[in-house]
Amino acid sequence: QYIEGCSVSLLFLAHTKGVEVVGFNEQWVSESATSPFRYGGAVSNTELSQAVQQELILAAEKLTVHFGLRGLNSLDAVIQDDIAYVLEVNPRLSATVSLYEGMGLFERHIEAVQNKKITPMTDAKARTSKAEAIVYADAELTISTTFDWPDWVNDYPMRQDFPVTIPINSPICTVYAVAEVAEDAKQLAKYRAKMLLELLKVNS
């Protein structure tokens, strides 16, 4: 059943003592004619009401107990009228893990899975927001070997001795942006994605 609202996720660490919040994230789609729910990107440390945060944490706690979850997990939900409708839990490292670099998450994930003492985590609330957006080709695109990728781009094709052709609707790369507020980081990442696609077209 389709639910209109804001797509969010809770990245959390599950261990023998319960659930530890890493961060609340907002997600968005980059729809195409054949893929209306194609993943577009996500931003960390998004602002949610205390009520919604507690709903998501409670759901994560219940699911952790029921399924015996350990390590990093992601809980996806849609927020409508300040109510969280939980969609699924992903018992694995999700795409949003890269939004929280420098927090030793993978090491803590291993510790939790092995039921070891968990290394204390730095306060995620004191960190800025990071956004990542996927850039998709809206037409077949050829990338020259001389194209100069900006510093805020990841996952782009490796330099080769010949141009790289990207099929229509295929991912090209990931752009990222950092800001004090989640919405600012999100909008900057989307702007960079659009600008980069135009640059690639001009240089193709």
Protein backbone atom coordinates (compact mmCIF):
# COMPACT_ATOMS: atom_id res chain seq x y z
CA GLN A 1 0.00 0.00 0.00
CA TYR A 2 1.37 3.39 -0.99
CA ILE A 3 1.66 5.97 1.81
CA GLU A 4 2.21 9.63 1.02
CA GLY A 5 4.75 11.31 3.27
CA CYS A 6 8.41 11.85 4.08
CA SER A 7 10.70 8.83 3.75
CA VAL A 8 13.05 8.48 6.71
CA SER A 9 15.29 5.90 8.31
CA LEU A 10 16.86 5.20 11.66
CA LEU A 11 20.40 3.88 11.58
CA PHE A 12 20.98 2.02 14.83
CA LEU A 13 23.38 -0.36 16.53
CA ALA A 14 21.82 -3.42 18.16
CA HIS A 15 23.71 -5.30 20.87
CA THR A 16 23.16 -7.35 24.02
CA LYS A 17 22.23 -4.28 26.07
CA GLY A 18 19.65 -2.90 23.62
CA VAL A 19 19.56 -0.36 20.82
CA GLU A 20 21.85 2.62 20.28
CA VAL A 21 20.82 5.42 17.90
CA VAL A 22 23.42 6.42 15.30
CA GLY A 23 21.24 8.93 13.46
CA PHE A 24 17.91 9.78 11.85
CA ASN A 25 18.01 10.25 8.09
CA GLU A 26 15.77 11.51 5.29
CA GLN A 27 15.71 9.69 1.96
CA TRP A 28 14.36 10.72 -1.44
CA VAL A 29 13.73 9.19 -4.84
CA SER A 30 15.06 10.09 -8.26
CA GLU A 31 12.22 8.70 -10.30
CA SER A 32 12.38 7.66 -13.94
CA ALA A 33 9.66 6.52 -16.35
CA THR A 34 10.30 2.88 -15.49
CA SER A 35 11.46 3.24 -11.87
CA PRO A 36 9.21 5.62 -9.90
CA PHE A 37 10.87 4.70 -6.58
CA ARG A 38 14.49 4.73 -7.72
CA TYR A 39 16.82 5.67 -4.86
CA GLY A 40 17.96 9.27 -5.15
CA GLY A 41 19.94 9.87 -1.99
CA ALA A 42 19.86 10.54 1.74
CA VAL A 43 20.90 13.10 4.34
CA SER A 44 22.01 12.51 7.92
CA ASN A 45 20.89 14.05 11.19
CA THR A 46 17.54 15.20 9.84
CA GLU A 47 15.19 16.96 12.26
CA LEU A 48 12.26 14.85 13.46
CA SER A 49 9.85 15.51 16.29
CA GLN A 50 10.52 13.83 19.62
CA ALA A 51 7.33 11.80 19.18
CA VAL A 52 8.45 10.39 15.83
CA GLN A 53 11.95 9.69 17.15
CA GLN A 54 10.50 7.71 20.05
CA GLU A 55 8.20 5.77 17.71
CA LEU A 56 11.14 4.74 15.57
CA ILE A 57 13.34 3.84 18.55
CA LEU A 58 10.56 1.76 20.11
CA ALA A 59 10.03 -0.09 16.83
CA ALA A 60 13.78 -0.75 16.57
CA GLU A 61 13.85 -2.07 20.15
CA LYS A 62 10.93 -4.43 19.56
CA LEU A 63 12.36 -5.73 16.29
CA THR A 64 15.78 -6.23 17.88
CA VAL A 65 14.30 -8.38 20.63
CA HIS A 66 12.00 -10.32 18.29
CA PHE A 67 14.64 -11.13 15.66
CA GLY A 68 17.75 -11.09 17.83
CA LEU A 69 19.35 -8.35 15.75
CA ARG A 70 23.03 -7.54 16.23
CA GLY A 71 25.26 -4.85 14.76
CA LEU A 72 24.25 -2.03 12.43
CA ASN A 73 20.67 -2.04 11.16
CA SER A 74 18.44 0.40 9.29
CA LEU A 75 14.75 0.92 10.00
CA ASP A 76 12.79 2.51 7.13
CA ALA A 77 9.56 4.42 7.66
CA VAL A 78 7.25 7.02 6.13
CA ILE A 79 6.21 10.02 8.24
CA GLN A 80 2.69 11.30 7.71
CA ASP A 81 1.00 13.79 10.07
CA ASP A 82 3.77 13.22 12.63
CA ILE A 83 3.07 9.48 12.70
CA ALA A 84 5.74 6.93 11.75
CA TYR A 85 4.60 4.08 9.51
CA VAL A 86 7.37 1.47 9.69
CA LEU A 87 8.07 -0.23 6.35
CA GLU A 88 10.97 -2.59 7.00
CA VAL A 89 14.14 -3.29 8.92
CA ASN A 90 17.36 -4.04 7.03
CA PRO A 91 19.68 -6.19 9.19
CA ARG A 92 22.84 -5.06 7.41
CA LEU A 93 25.04 -2.07 6.73
CA SER A 94 22.81 0.34 4.80
CA ALA A 95 23.58 3.13 2.34
CA THR A 96 23.35 5.68 5.17
CA VAL A 97 26.41 4.29 6.98
CA SER A 98 28.64 6.44 4.75
CA LEU A 99 26.86 9.54 6.08
CA TYR A 100 28.46 8.96 9.48
CA GLU A 101 32.15 8.64 8.68
CA GLY A 102 34.69 9.05 11.44
CA MET A 103 32.56 7.39 14.10
CA GLY A 104 34.14 3.94 14.00
CA LEU A 105 30.84 2.35 13.01
CA PHE A 106 32.24 -0.72 11.28
CA GLU A 107 34.44 -1.57 14.26
CA ARG A 108 31.46 -1.16 16.59
CA HIS A 109 29.36 -3.28 14.23
CA ILE A 110 31.88 -6.14 14.53
CA GLU A 111 32.00 -5.77 18.31
CA ALA A 112 28.20 -5.98 18.53
CA VAL A 113 27.97 -9.02 16.25
CA GLN A 114 30.63 -10.80 18.33
CA ASN A 115 28.90 -9.78 21.60
CA LYS A 116 32.01 -7.93 22.74
CA LYS A 117 32.24 -4.74 24.80
CA ILE A 118 31.15 -1.84 22.58
CA THR A 119 33.56 1.05 22.05
CA PRO A 120 31.89 4.35 23.10
CA MET A 121 30.54 6.38 20.19
CA THR A 122 31.06 10.09 19.69
CA ASP A 123 27.93 12.23 19.96
CA ALA A 124 26.26 12.17 16.52
CA LYS A 125 24.03 15.11 17.45
CA ALA A 126 27.04 17.43 17.58
CA ARG A 127 27.97 16.59 14.01
CA THR A 128 26.96 18.41 10.86
CA SER A 129 24.65 16.88 8.27
CA LYS A 130 26.00 15.07 5.23
CA ALA A 131 23.96 14.40 2.09
CA GLU A 132 24.67 12.03 -0.76
CA ALA A 133 22.83 12.07 -4.10
CA ILE A 134 23.07 9.57 -6.95
CA VAL A 135 23.61 11.04 -10.42
CA TYR A 136 21.80 9.09 -13.15
CA ALA A 137 22.20 9.44 -16.91
CA ASP A 138 18.97 10.82 -18.42
CA ALA A 139 20.33 9.85 -21.86
CA GLU A 140 23.22 7.71 -23.05
CA LEU A 141 26.36 9.57 -22.05
CA THR A 142 30.01 9.22 -23.00
CA ILE A 143 32.57 10.41 -20.46
CA SER A 144 35.92 11.46 -21.87
CA THR A 145 39.22 10.41 -20.32
CA THR A 146 40.10 14.06 -19.66
CA PHE A 147 37.04 14.97 -17.61
CA ASP A 148 38.11 16.58 -14.31
CA TRP A 149 35.90 15.22 -11.53
CA PRO A 150 35.16 17.66 -8.66
CA ASP A 151 36.38 16.91 -5.14
CA TRP A 152 32.79 16.34 -3.94
CA VAL A 153 32.24 13.29 -6.19
CA ASN A 154 32.62 9.61 -5.28
CA ASP A 155 32.04 6.31 -7.09
CA TYR A 156 32.80 7.73 -10.54
CA PRO A 157 34.22 5.63 -13.43
CA MET A 158 37.94 5.01 -13.18
CA ARG A 159 40.18 6.88 -15.59
CA GLN A 160 40.97 4.71 -18.60
CA ASP A 161 42.64 5.08 -21.98
CA PHE A 162 39.28 5.24 -23.70
CA PRO A 163 35.95 7.04 -23.03
CA VAL A 164 33.33 5.37 -20.84
CA THR A 165 29.75 5.10 -22.08
CA ILE A 166 26.97 5.21 -19.48
CA PRO A 167 23.62 3.75 -20.63
CA ILE A 168 20.45 5.76 -20.10
CA ASN A 169 19.01 5.58 -16.54
CA SER A 170 22.23 4.04 -15.20
CA PRO A 171 24.08 5.55 -12.23
CA ILE A 172 27.12 7.66 -13.05
CA CYS A 173 28.48 8.64 -9.65
CA THR A 174 27.62 9.92 -6.17
CA VAL A 175 27.90 13.55 -5.11
CA TYR A 176 27.98 14.70 -1.50
CA ALA A 177 27.56 17.89 0.47
CA VAL A 178 27.98 18.91 4.11
CA ALA A 179 26.11 21.65 5.97
CA GLU A 180 25.05 22.62 9.48
CA VAL A 181 21.40 21.89 8.68
CA ALA A 182 20.13 18.73 6.96
CA GLU A 183 17.90 20.57 4.48
CA ASP A 184 20.81 22.76 3.35
CA ALA A 185 23.03 19.71 2.79
CA LYS A 186 20.24 17.97 0.87
CA GLN A 187 19.60 20.93 -1.44
CA LEU A 188 23.32 21.46 -2.07
CA ALA A 189 23.80 17.79 -2.99
CA LYS A 190 20.83 17.93 -5.38
CA TYR A 191 22.20 21.11 -6.96
CA ARG A 192 25.63 19.57 -7.41
CA ALA A 193 24.08 16.46 -8.99
CA LYS A 194 22.21 18.57 -11.53
CA MET A 195 25.23 20.78 -12.25
CA LEU A 196 27.55 17.80 -12.69
CA LEU A 197 25.19 16.12 -15.14
CA GLU A 198 25.14 19.29 -17.26
CA LEU A 199 28.95 19.46 -17.20
CA LEU A 200 29.20 15.85 -18.30
CA LYS A 201 26.85 16.50 -21.21
CA VAL A 202 28.87 19.51 -22.34
CA ASN A 203 32.11 17.54 -22.20
CA SER A 204 30.81 14.32 -23.72
